[in-house]
């Protein structure tokens, strides 16, 4: 085992961990990054969305060799019942720009590439190694980590916890609580492989154009959750996720939800004839602003999913993870440059920088949304999708019934399901949570 002392140890090689390790090493600090997988990204088989702006701040020329799938020119939102969907569809040729804004990626490939950049910057990356616990001194300050390797104790001025939402290091060391089931979603995903030309034909794409479909409604069986479909070059990422607390309460299984989603009349034609090669489950932080734990202390900071940094309203996670990792590294570098100790007081700079960024500003904006959707999940994910679908079918079906009668029927169905007070109440609650 490595015996030298480091300026910083980064635990985890996901988006947040790689961003932190790269920035620290790029600033000339001596960095050790520890990853329990065979290589960075080895535990990630799923597709995901990459937000270019956040990566570009660290690696301006990343487009030259990063393993990117498709740049997104289109976003679709579906509200679904059992047999139909009502959609909002935005597509713009503006996204066919020289430096595209968003890409689909395969995390196993991308994380490995990102890790190579971390190593090029000068960090030591140690894979197939598990950090068993944090080492503290007599005053309770974190001074290093204990790994599962022989002589596995390694010391550093500061430890960056990028261990993911279900990481146990922070909770074992009493730095943060175990995330509550209502603040964590379990998502299951599959990779469906098809010829490139088939994908482009089905999604109306050309070249490296891509699209994303995000879906909500009865597909989650009244639970707070969403489904998604990402078009990659030669594969389609499809998945669905719901709050762990809802799975516990209802007894529903993630795999059954995914199977029903794939059989939906709006989804099945997109996947027809595909070959499923990969399946994975993944925990996602969904608690928002109110679930963010303490982010720093004596000798440690926490970043990414481990810090509950996920904007579930806009389905943004990787950009928050990369930004938090980068800002944590910048704060550590500033403290180190002043030759100050890595105390909680000095590392509070990280929290101040994060508060001043879009990360915490966005999470604060939607701080009441997770609670609202959890409490009102039956209405927002079951009742309203069914009502909207019936209203749309009533609107477009021509059967000789006067339009005024159709409108009365639609209005009565909404009132019967929720009452006038319920409708106004839901609208006000949603508007307040959105502001």
Foldseek 3Di string as FASTA:
>chain_A
DDADAFQEEEEAQALQSLLQLLLLLLLPGAYEYEAQAPAFLPQFQFKDKDFPVLVCVRVVPCVVDAQFFFFEQKEKEWEDDQADTDIDIDGDCVQVDPRHGMTMGGRSRRSRVSVVSSVVSPYHYHYSKAFPEFDADPVLFGFFTAIPDVVRTYGHLAYEYAPALQDCHCVVSVNWNNFDLLFKKKKKKWKWFAAQVLLCVVVVHDDRYWYKYKYFACLVVLFPKIWIWTDGRGIIMTMMMGGRVVCVVPVDDRVVSRVSVCPHPVRVVSRPPTDIDDMDMDMAGHQFPVRFGDAAFRRYGYAFNNRSQALVVVRDGSSRSSVLSNLLSVLSVVCVVVVHGRGRVSSCSSVVVCCPDVRNVSSVLQNCVSVLCRVCSNCVHYVVSVLVVVLVCLVPDDDPDDPVVSVVVSVVSVCVVQNPVRVVVSVVSVVNSND
